[in-house]
Amino acid sequence: MRRHTPLRLWAVAAATAFAFLVALEVAARHYGLPGPITNQAREVICPPKSGFLLYAGLALTMVVLTWRERFIALGAAVAVDLGFATVRWALGVEATRGQPFGNGALWVILGCAVVAVTRRTGHERVLLLKGVGLGLLLVTGRKTGDAWLLITSKTRPMVLDQYVATADHALGNPSWLAGRIVTAGGPIGFNLLDVVYGQLAVAAVAVALYQLRGVAAERRFPRHHLVRTFLVIGLLGPAVYMIFPVVGPVFAYGTGAEHWASVSLWPERPPHGGHWPSPDLWPRRVPPMRAPRPIRYDGFTPRNCMPSLHTAWATTIFVHSRQAPRALRWAGAFWLVATLTATLGFGYHYGADLIAGVVFALTVEAALRTLDRDWDPAGVRLVAHGTAVFAALLVCYRWLPLEMATRPWLSGPLLLLAMASVVYDYLRTVKRWEPSPEPTARHPAPLPELI
């Protein structure tokens, strides 16, 4: 009986995930837009929104395959993409709303699922289905996030940007400073940060592939890896968006697409509606310090600032890359710094969002590691500490922003100290969990021979 318990857990998890996707699909349809299931099904034939993400999902699926099977899978994906490109070219269809590749990767992932059901048995079937599930979770998570963002824009008409912007005075308004730096850097720096910001999932897959490199040989997954934390952050984060809706400084105080049209080499971003009395403040002029109030905003801009999930994801990439080779460690550090710079420099987040994002990421990471250790007491205390700090941050941003702004010499260091306390507690707890190196046995020096 105990042998079948993991399968039952996997079945319950799959059923719960499917029910969640159906609920999001219904909610999106209620607002007249396709949901995650429809958008994912369309990418079987239509140009996908992100071909890089689909190939990243295929890479995760291939960790359970042998090298020969990996070459076959990759070749099949490329062949299918070439076939689709040829047909679209012959019919004169342009991929105006997506990328011209990626369908082949999705076809191969689905093909692996068919092979698992029809050609594999026992443990090999379960292992291959886990690989398929891992790949599909990555690509479906993107569609789920899009649906969540739609729901936040439709159900939260009032935003709390004035509160966070006021609290940000305690940190020296870092978004305004970074925005000026990125604007002064011109197109090259902007587009480098834009690539880093937009391909965060691909960076996560690079670290995850290193962690899962032994799955094909050992025929089992490790107890904990980056993809788990990545997905849980994406699942829980939008729930906080519903509690604390914020659109970001470039939308609330700036001109959005119009501001970056003169900087970016890429196509213009979609326009948005700004409803501030002086909507063109960011990044040239810091907003005045005044008593904040909720304001009504448009019905399509996502309320996806508090906490900064890009910061949370980049933090987990950095944490999980610490046990990797030097090149991957440097890449993880670069991605973290570049992501923080982009989130602030593009005006997508306030400094207060980044502090909350770091605390949120380490709390989720600690909870998953504690779960793997059968709720170790030290881990439980760490999760409680992170949860309390995160809740305190939200309470302060909402109810004490003006007091924080008028006493930056006190509130700014306290915010950083609160974040640092969670970082220190996390490092200390994880160090206790890591196995201590065995002491090297010391052999006594040989006695001199007696002649």
Protein backbone atom coordinates (compact mmCIF):
# COMPACT_ATOMS: atom_id res chain seq x y z
CA MET A 1 0.00 0.00 0.00
CA ARG A 2 2.79 2.41 0.87
CA ARG A 3 4.41 1.82 -2.50
CA HIS A 4 1.42 3.40 -4.29
CA THR A 5 1.22 6.48 -2.09
CA PRO A 6 3.49 8.64 -4.33
CA LEU A 7 1.37 7.82 -7.37
CA ARG A 8 -1.75 8.86 -5.53
CA LEU A 9 -0.11 12.11 -4.50
CA TRP A 10 0.88 12.78 -8.10
CA ALA A 11 -2.68 12.04 -9.21
CA VAL A 12 -4.14 14.41 -6.61
CA ALA A 13 -1.63 17.13 -7.59
CA ALA A 14 -2.46 16.71 -11.29
CA ALA A 15 -6.20 16.84 -10.61
CA THR A 16 -5.80 19.96 -8.46
CA ALA A 17 -3.68 21.68 -11.11
CA PHE A 18 -6.20 20.85 -13.83
CA ALA A 19 -9.09 22.16 -11.71
CA PHE A 20 -7.13 25.36 -11.11
CA LEU A 21 -6.53 25.79 -14.85
CA VAL A 22 -10.22 25.23 -15.57
CA ALA A 23 -11.16 27.87 -12.98
CA LEU A 24 -8.79 30.38 -14.58
CA GLU A 25 -10.15 29.50 -18.01
CA VAL A 26 -13.71 30.17 -16.83
CA ALA A 27 -12.66 33.43 -15.19
CA ALA A 28 -10.89 34.63 -18.33
CA ARG A 29 -13.86 33.67 -20.50
CA HIS A 30 -16.07 35.67 -18.17
CA TYR A 31 -14.14 38.76 -19.26
CA GLY A 32 -14.31 37.83 -22.93
CA LEU A 33 -10.72 36.60 -23.36
CA PRO A 34 -9.22 33.12 -23.83
CA GLY A 35 -7.78 31.45 -20.76
CA PRO A 36 -4.60 29.44 -20.20
CA ILE A 37 -5.95 26.19 -21.62
CA THR A 38 -7.12 27.82 -24.85
CA ASN A 39 -3.90 29.80 -25.29
CA GLN A 40 -1.77 26.72 -24.75
CA ALA A 41 -3.88 24.63 -27.15
CA ARG A 42 -3.55 27.31 -29.84
CA GLU A 43 0.24 27.02 -29.76
CA VAL A 44 0.01 23.49 -31.13
CA ILE A 45 -0.75 25.11 -34.51
CA CYS A 46 -0.51 28.90 -34.18
CA PRO A 47 2.76 30.84 -33.77
CA PRO A 48 3.66 30.62 -30.08
CA LYS A 49 4.06 33.65 -27.85
CA SER A 50 7.50 32.48 -26.69
CA GLY A 51 9.35 29.86 -28.67
CA PHE A 52 12.33 30.12 -26.33
CA LEU A 53 10.12 29.12 -23.40
CA LEU A 54 8.75 26.11 -25.27
CA TYR A 55 12.25 24.88 -26.07
CA ALA A 56 13.20 25.47 -22.43
CA GLY A 57 10.27 23.25 -21.46
CA LEU A 58 11.49 20.63 -23.92
CA ALA A 59 14.95 20.81 -22.33
CA LEU A 60 13.41 20.03 -18.94
CA THR A 61 11.52 17.09 -20.40
CA MET A 62 14.70 15.72 -21.97
CA VAL A 63 16.45 15.34 -18.60
CA VAL A 64 14.78 11.92 -18.30
CA LEU A 65 15.92 10.79 -21.76
CA THR A 66 19.13 9.16 -22.86
CA TRP A 67 21.54 11.11 -25.06
CA ARG A 68 20.37 9.24 -28.14
CA GLU A 69 16.73 10.00 -27.33
CA ARG A 70 17.62 13.65 -26.71
CA PHE A 71 19.16 14.06 -30.16
CA ILE A 72 16.11 12.40 -31.70
CA ALA A 73 13.71 14.64 -29.75
CA LEU A 74 15.59 17.83 -30.60
CA GLY A 75 15.86 16.86 -34.27
CA ALA A 76 12.14 16.10 -34.41
CA ALA A 77 11.31 19.48 -32.83
CA VAL A 78 13.47 21.37 -35.33
CA ALA A 79 11.99 19.36 -38.23
CA VAL A 80 8.44 20.15 -37.13
CA ASP A 81 9.29 23.86 -36.82
CA LEU A 82 10.82 23.86 -40.29
CA GLY A 83 7.69 22.18 -41.61
CA PHE A 84 5.45 24.79 -40.01
CA ALA A 85 7.66 27.61 -41.31
CA THR A 86 7.50 26.19 -44.84
CA VAL A 87 3.71 25.87 -44.77
CA ARG A 88 3.27 29.38 -43.38
CA TRP A 89 5.61 30.78 -46.00
CA ALA A 90 3.73 28.97 -48.77
CA LEU A 91 0.39 30.26 -47.48
CA GLY A 92 1.75 33.76 -46.91
CA VAL A 93 0.99 33.64 -43.17
CA GLU A 94 3.22 35.83 -40.99
CA ALA A 95 3.80 35.23 -37.28
CA THR A 96 2.75 38.75 -36.40
CA ARG A 97 1.46 37.83 -32.93
CA GLY A 98 4.10 35.31 -31.97
CA GLN A 99 7.44 33.77 -32.81
CA PRO A 100 8.02 31.65 -35.93
CA PHE A 101 9.32 28.67 -33.93
CA GLY A 102 8.38 26.67 -30.86
CA ASN A 103 5.53 24.50 -32.13
CA GLY A 104 7.94 21.63 -32.69
CA ALA A 105 9.06 21.69 -29.06
CA LEU A 106 5.45 21.47 -27.87
CA TRP A 107 4.72 18.64 -30.30
CA VAL A 108 7.68 16.64 -29.00
CA ILE A 109 6.68 17.18 -25.36
CA LEU A 110 3.17 15.92 -26.14
CA GLY A 111 4.69 13.06 -28.14
CA CYS A 112 6.73 12.01 -25.11
CA ALA A 113 3.49 11.84 -23.12
CA VAL A 114 1.98 9.55 -25.75
CA VAL A 115 5.08 7.35 -25.72
CA ALA A 116 4.97 7.16 -21.92
CA VAL A 117 1.37 5.94 -21.94
CA THR A 118 1.63 3.56 -24.90
CA ARG A 119 5.22 2.27 -24.87
CA ARG A 120 6.51 2.51 -21.29
CA THR A 121 5.50 0.65 -18.14
CA GLY A 122 6.16 0.81 -14.43
CA HIS A 123 8.84 3.15 -13.15
CA GLU A 124 9.96 4.15 -16.66
CA ARG A 125 6.46 5.35 -17.49
CA VAL A 126 6.24 7.38 -14.26
CA LEU A 127 9.67 8.92 -14.84
CA LEU A 128 8.87 9.98 -18.41
CA LEU A 129 5.50 11.40 -17.34
CA LYS A 130 7.27 13.40 -14.64
CA GLY A 131 9.58 14.83 -17.29
CA VAL A 132 6.62 15.73 -19.48
CA GLY A 133 4.84 17.28 -16.53
CA LEU A 134 7.91 19.35 -15.66
CA GLY A 135 8.15 20.72 -19.19
CA LEU A 136 4.43 21.44 -19.47
CA LEU A 137 4.34 23.09 -16.05
CA LEU A 138 6.93 25.60 -17.20
CA VAL A 139 5.07 26.60 -20.37
CA THR A 140 1.61 26.39 -18.79
CA GLY A 141 2.80 28.48 -15.87
CA ARG A 142 3.35 31.35 -18.31
CA LYS A 143 -0.23 31.09 -19.56
CA THR A 144 -1.52 30.83 -16.01
CA GLY A 145 0.36 33.99 -15.07
CA ASP A 146 -1.15 35.87 -18.01
CA ALA A 147 -4.65 34.86 -16.88
CA TRP A 148 -3.88 35.91 -13.31
CA LEU A 149 -2.71 39.33 -14.51
CA LEU A 150 -5.93 39.75 -16.50
CA ILE A 151 -7.96 38.96 -13.40
CA THR A 152 -6.05 41.49 -11.30
CA SER A 153 -6.72 44.26 -13.83
CA LYS A 154 -10.43 43.46 -14.04
CA THR A 155 -11.19 42.85 -10.36
CA ARG A 156 -8.99 45.52 -8.73
CA PRO A 157 -9.94 48.89 -10.25
CA MET A 158 -8.29 50.82 -7.38
CA VAL A 159 -4.48 50.76 -7.10
CA LEU A 160 -2.20 51.63 -4.18
CA ASP A 161 0.70 53.21 -6.06
CA GLN A 162 0.59 56.40 -4.03
CA TYR A 163 1.21 54.38 -0.88
CA VAL A 164 4.23 52.51 -2.24
CA ALA A 165 5.64 55.62 -3.94
CA THR A 166 5.39 57.52 -0.67
CA ALA A 167 7.04 54.69 1.28
CA ASP A 168 9.76 54.62 -1.36
CA HIS A 169 10.95 58.04 -0.18
CA ALA A 170 12.47 56.16 2.76
CA LEU A 171 14.74 54.30 0.32
CA GLY A 172 15.72 57.35 -1.72
CA ASN A 173 13.32 56.69 -4.64
CA PRO A 174 15.57 54.10 -6.34
CA SER A 175 13.25 53.63 -9.32
CA TRP A 176 13.64 57.29 -10.31
CA LEU A 177 17.44 57.09 -10.00
CA ALA A 178 17.69 53.82 -11.96
CA GLY A 179 15.28 55.14 -14.59
CA ARG A 180 17.52 58.12 -15.27
CA ILE A 181 20.59 55.87 -15.52
CA VAL A 182 18.93 53.45 -17.95
CA THR A 183 17.56 56.32 -20.04
CA ALA A 184 21.00 57.90 -20.22
CA GLY A 185 22.53 54.57 -21.23
CA GLY A 186 20.69 54.61 -24.55
CA PRO A 187 19.49 51.68 -26.70
CA ILE A 188 22.39 49.27 -26.05
CA GLY A 189 22.01 49.11 -22.29
CA PHE A 190 18.23 49.20 -22.52
CA ASN A 191 17.98 46.25 -24.88
CA LEU A 192 20.53 44.19 -22.94
CA LEU A 193 18.44 44.62 -19.81
CA ASP A 194 15.29 43.95 -21.82
CA VAL A 195 16.63 40.55 -22.93
CA VAL A 196 17.64 39.67 -19.36
CA TYR A 197 14.25 40.74 -18.03
CA GLY A 198 12.25 38.91 -20.68
CA GLN A 199 14.20 35.62 -20.69
CA LEU A 200 14.28 35.00 -16.95
CA ALA A 201 12.68 31.57 -17.35
CA VAL A 202 15.41 30.52 -19.77
CA ALA A 203 18.05 31.43 -17.16
CA ALA A 204 16.15 29.37 -14.60
CA VAL A 205 16.13 26.39 -16.95
CA ALA A 206 19.92 26.64 -17.37
CA VAL A 207 20.39 26.28 -13.61
CA ALA A 208 17.70 23.61 -13.37
CA LEU A 209 19.35 21.54 -16.10
CA TYR A 210 22.55 21.50 -14.07
CA GLN A 211 20.64 20.37 -10.99
CA LEU A 212 18.78 17.67 -12.96
CA ARG A 213 21.79 16.49 -14.96
CA GLY A 214 21.85 13.11 -13.19
CA VAL A 215 18.17 12.20 -13.61
CA ALA A 216 18.70 10.11 -16.75
CA ALA A 217 21.44 8.05 -15.11
CA GLU A 218 19.91 7.70 -11.64
CA ARG A 219 16.35 7.30 -13.00
CA ARG A 220 14.93 9.58 -10.30
CA PHE A 221 14.52 13.29 -9.59
CA PRO A 222 16.30 15.05 -6.70
CA ARG A 223 14.21 15.95 -3.68
CA HIS A 224 14.46 19.69 -4.32
CA HIS A 225 15.36 21.76 -7.36
CA LEU A 226 14.85 25.23 -8.77
CA VAL A 227 11.78 24.50 -10.89
CA ARG A 228 9.72 23.70 -7.79
CA THR A 229 10.44 27.06 -6.18
CA PHE A 230 10.00 28.87 -9.49
CA LEU A 231 6.51 27.45 -10.00
CA VAL A 232 5.34 27.94 -6.41
CA ILE A 233 6.42 31.60 -6.49
CA GLY A 234 4.45 32.07 -9.70
CA LEU A 235 1.41 30.41 -8.12
CA LEU A 236 1.36 32.32 -4.82
CA GLY A 237 2.58 35.73 -6.01
CA PRO A 238 -0.56 36.76 -7.93
CA ALA A 239 -2.63 36.10 -4.80
CA VAL A 240 -0.70 38.95 -3.14
CA TYR A 241 -1.41 41.10 -6.21
CA MET A 242 -5.09 40.77 -5.37
CA ILE A 243 -4.44 41.98 -1.82
CA PHE A 244 -2.04 44.80 -2.71
CA PRO A 245 -2.73 45.99 -6.31
CA VAL A 246 0.02 48.23 -7.71
CA VAL A 247 0.78 49.04 -11.38
CA GLY A 248 4.28 50.51 -11.11
CA PRO A 249 5.90 53.95 -11.51
CA VAL A 250 6.19 53.95 -15.31
CA PHE A 251 2.42 53.47 -15.56
CA ALA A 252 1.27 55.46 -12.55
CA TYR A 253 3.72 58.36 -12.90
CA GLY A 254 5.21 58.04 -16.39
CA THR A 255 4.08 57.76 -19.97
CA GLY A 256 4.70 54.02 -20.41
CA ALA A 257 5.34 53.11 -24.03
CA GLU A 258 5.79 56.71 -25.03
CA HIS A 259 8.76 57.11 -22.71
CA TRP A 260 10.68 54.16 -24.12
CA ALA A 261 9.80 54.74 -27.77
CA SER A 262 12.83 57.02 -28.12
CA VAL A 263 15.13 54.58 -26.32
CA SER A 264 14.23 51.05 -27.36
CA LEU A 265 15.29 49.43 -30.63
CA TRP A 266 12.40 46.97 -30.23
CA PRO A 267 8.78 47.63 -31.27
CA GLU A 268 6.82 49.98 -29.04
CA ARG A 269 5.19 48.57 -25.96
CA PRO A 270 1.40 48.68 -25.76
CA PRO A 271 0.04 52.04 -24.67
CA HIS A 272 -1.68 52.45 -21.35
CA GLY A 273 -3.85 54.94 -19.60
CA GLY A 274 -2.38 57.15 -16.89
CA HIS A 275 -4.79 58.88 -14.53
CA TRP A 276 -2.52 61.04 -12.40
CA PRO A 277 -2.81 64.84 -12.29
CA SER A 278 0.81 65.05 -13.47
CA PRO A 279 1.32 61.77 -15.36
CA ASP A 280 4.78 62.56 -16.74
CA LEU A 281 6.85 62.54 -13.55
CA TRP A 282 8.84 59.33 -13.94
CA PRO A 283 11.84 59.36 -14.15
CA ARG A 284 12.51 63.09 -14.38
CA ARG A 285 10.82 64.38 -11.23
CA VAL A 286 10.24 62.63 -7.92
CA PRO A 287 6.55 62.78 -6.90
CA PRO A 288 5.78 65.15 -4.04
CA MET A 289 5.44 63.75 -0.54
CA ARG A 290 1.77 63.85 0.45
CA ALA A 291 -0.90 61.82 2.16
CA PRO A 292 -1.56 58.85 -0.18
CA ARG A 293 -4.94 57.55 -1.28
CA PRO A 294 -6.21 54.73 -3.53
CA ILE A 295 -6.85 55.82 -7.10
CA ARG A 296 -8.84 54.29 -9.94
CA TYR A 297 -6.83 52.94 -12.87
CA ASP A 298 -7.63 51.37 -16.24
CA GLY A 299 -9.02 47.88 -16.73
CA PHE A 300 -6.16 46.22 -18.60
CA THR A 301 -2.85 47.17 -16.92
CA PRO A 302 -1.77 44.29 -14.61
CA ARG A 303 -1.52 45.03 -10.90
CA ASN A 304 1.66 42.97 -10.67
CA CYS A 305 4.15 44.95 -8.58
CA MET A 306 3.82 43.91 -4.95
CA PRO A 307 5.91 41.85 -4.49
CA SER A 308 8.29 41.93 -7.45
CA LEU A 309 8.17 38.35 -8.74
CA HIS A 310 11.00 39.02 -11.17
CA THR A 311 13.11 39.87 -8.13
CA ALA A 312 11.86 36.76 -6.35
CA TRP A 313 12.67 34.51 -9.33
CA ALA A 314 16.09 36.09 -9.87
CA THR A 315 16.83 35.60 -6.15
CA THR A 316 16.01 31.89 -6.37
CA ILE A 317 18.19 31.54 -9.48
CA PHE A 318 21.03 33.15 -7.55
CA VAL A 319 20.47 30.89 -4.52
CA HIS A 320 20.31 27.66 -6.54
CA SER A 321 23.35 28.57 -8.63
CA ARG A 322 25.60 28.76 -5.56
CA GLN A 323 26.34 25.01 -5.74
CA ALA A 324 27.03 25.10 -9.49
CA PRO A 325 30.37 25.55 -11.31
CA ARG A 326 31.99 28.98 -11.29
CA ALA A 327 30.65 30.04 -14.68
CA LEU A 328 27.07 29.29 -13.63
CA ARG A 329 27.59 31.04 -10.29
CA TRP A 330 28.76 34.18 -12.08
CA ALA A 331 25.82 33.92 -14.47
CA GLY A 332 23.40 33.66 -11.55
CA ALA A 333 24.92 36.73 -9.92
CA PHE A 334 24.79 38.66 -13.19
CA TRP A 335 21.15 37.73 -13.76
CA LEU A 336 20.23 38.88 -10.27
CA VAL A 337 21.96 42.27 -10.61
CA ALA A 338 20.68 42.83 -14.15
CA THR A 339 17.12 41.89 -13.18
CA LEU A 340 17.13 44.26 -10.20
CA THR A 341 18.47 47.01 -12.45
CA ALA A 342 15.83 46.33 -15.10
CA THR A 343 12.90 46.18 -12.71
CA LEU A 344 13.82 49.58 -11.31
CA GLY A 345 15.27 51.16 -14.46
CA PHE A 346 12.26 50.28 -16.63
CA GLY A 347 9.92 51.72 -14.00
CA TYR A 348 8.11 48.43 -13.53
CA HIS A 349 8.69 48.35 -9.75
CA TYR A 350 9.40 50.50 -6.74
CA GLY A 351 12.28 49.81 -4.38
CA ALA A 352 9.81 48.62 -1.76
CA ASP A 353 8.63 45.92 -4.19
CA LEU A 354 12.16 44.53 -4.48
CA ILE A 355 12.60 44.22 -0.71
CA ALA A 356 9.29 42.37 -0.48
CA GLY A 357 10.30 40.15 -3.41
CA VAL A 358 13.52 39.01 -1.74
CA VAL A 359 11.71 38.18 1.51
CA PHE A 360 8.95 36.40 -0.40
CA ALA A 361 11.42 34.29 -2.40
CA LEU A 362 13.46 33.15 0.59
CA THR A 363 10.30 32.33 2.55
CA VAL A 364 8.94 30.12 -0.24
CA GLU A 365 12.34 28.49 -0.73
CA ALA A 366 12.59 27.82 3.01
CA ALA A 367 9.08 26.35 3.11
CA LEU A 368 9.84 23.87 0.31
CA ARG A 369 13.14 22.83 1.88
CA THR A 370 11.46 22.46 5.26
CA LEU A 371 8.77 20.31 3.68
CA ASP A 372 11.45 18.01 2.29
CA ARG A 373 12.95 17.72 5.78
CA ASP A 374 9.64 16.68 7.41
CA TRP A 375 9.03 20.17 8.84
CA ASP A 376 12.30 20.57 10.66
CA PRO A 377 11.78 22.97 13.64
CA ALA A 378 14.54 25.32 12.46
CA GLY A 379 12.90 25.50 9.05
CA VAL A 380 9.48 26.16 10.56
CA ARG A 381 10.92 29.06 12.55
CA LEU A 382 12.53 30.42 9.39
CA VAL A 383 9.25 30.25 7.47
CA ALA A 384 7.42 31.95 10.33
CA HIS A 385 10.11 34.65 10.45
CA GLY A 386 9.89 35.30 6.70
CA THR A 387 6.09 35.33 6.74
CA ALA A 388 6.00 37.77 9.64
CA VAL A 389 8.48 40.14 7.98
CA PHE A 390 6.61 39.98 4.66
CA ALA A 391 3.28 40.73 6.37
CA ALA A 392 4.88 43.57 8.33
CA LEU A 393 6.22 45.10 5.12
CA LEU A 394 2.78 45.09 3.53
CA VAL A 395 1.22 46.61 6.66
CA CYS A 396 3.84 49.37 6.79
CA TYR A 397 3.51 50.16 3.08
CA ARG A 398 -0.26 50.41 3.42
CA TRP A 399 -0.75 52.11 6.77
CA LEU A 400 2.53 53.94 7.57
CA PRO A 401 3.90 55.25 4.24
CA LEU A 402 3.84 58.94 5.17
CA GLU A 403 5.51 58.27 8.51
CA MET A 404 8.19 56.27 6.71
CA ALA A 405 8.74 59.01 4.14
CA THR A 406 9.11 61.75 6.75
CA ARG A 407 11.68 59.71 8.72
CA PRO A 408 13.88 58.15 6.04
CA TRP A 409 16.92 58.07 8.33
CA LEU A 410 15.02 55.57 10.51
CA SER A 411 12.58 53.74 8.25
CA GLY A 412 15.00 53.14 5.36
CA PRO A 413 17.61 51.29 7.44
CA LEU A 414 14.82 49.39 9.22
CA LEU A 415 13.45 48.13 5.89
CA LEU A 416 16.88 46.94 4.80
CA LEU A 417 17.51 45.43 8.24
CA ALA A 418 14.24 43.50 8.10
CA MET A 419 15.22 42.03 4.73
CA ALA A 420 18.75 41.31 5.95
CA SER A 421 17.38 39.46 8.99
CA VAL A 422 15.55 37.01 6.72
CA VAL A 423 18.62 36.58 4.51
CA TYR A 424 20.81 35.91 7.56
CA ASP A 425 18.31 33.49 9.08
CA TYR A 426 18.04 31.64 5.78
CA LEU A 427 21.82 31.31 5.39
CA ARG A 428 22.24 30.16 8.97
CA THR A 429 19.46 27.56 8.74
CA VAL A 430 20.58 26.16 5.40
CA LYS A 431 24.15 25.89 6.66
CA ARG A 432 22.89 23.74 9.54
CA TRP A 433 21.13 21.47 7.05
CA GLU A 434 24.15 20.96 4.86
CA PRO A 435 26.21 17.88 5.74
CA SER A 436 29.45 18.75 7.44
CA PRO A 437 32.56 17.59 5.61
CA GLU A 438 34.19 14.54 7.09
CA PRO A 439 37.45 15.35 8.84
CA THR A 440 40.53 14.12 7.05
CA ALA A 441 42.13 11.29 8.94
CA ARG A 442 45.57 12.15 10.18
CA HIS A 443 48.12 9.37 10.11
CA PRO A 444 50.98 9.50 12.58
CA ALA A 445 54.40 10.12 11.13
CA PRO A 446 56.32 6.88 10.60
CA LEU A 447 58.89 6.03 13.19
CA PRO A 448 62.48 6.02 12.03
CA GLU A 449 63.87 2.64 11.30
CA LEU A 450 66.25 1.24 13.83
CA ILE A 451 69.48 0.19 12.29
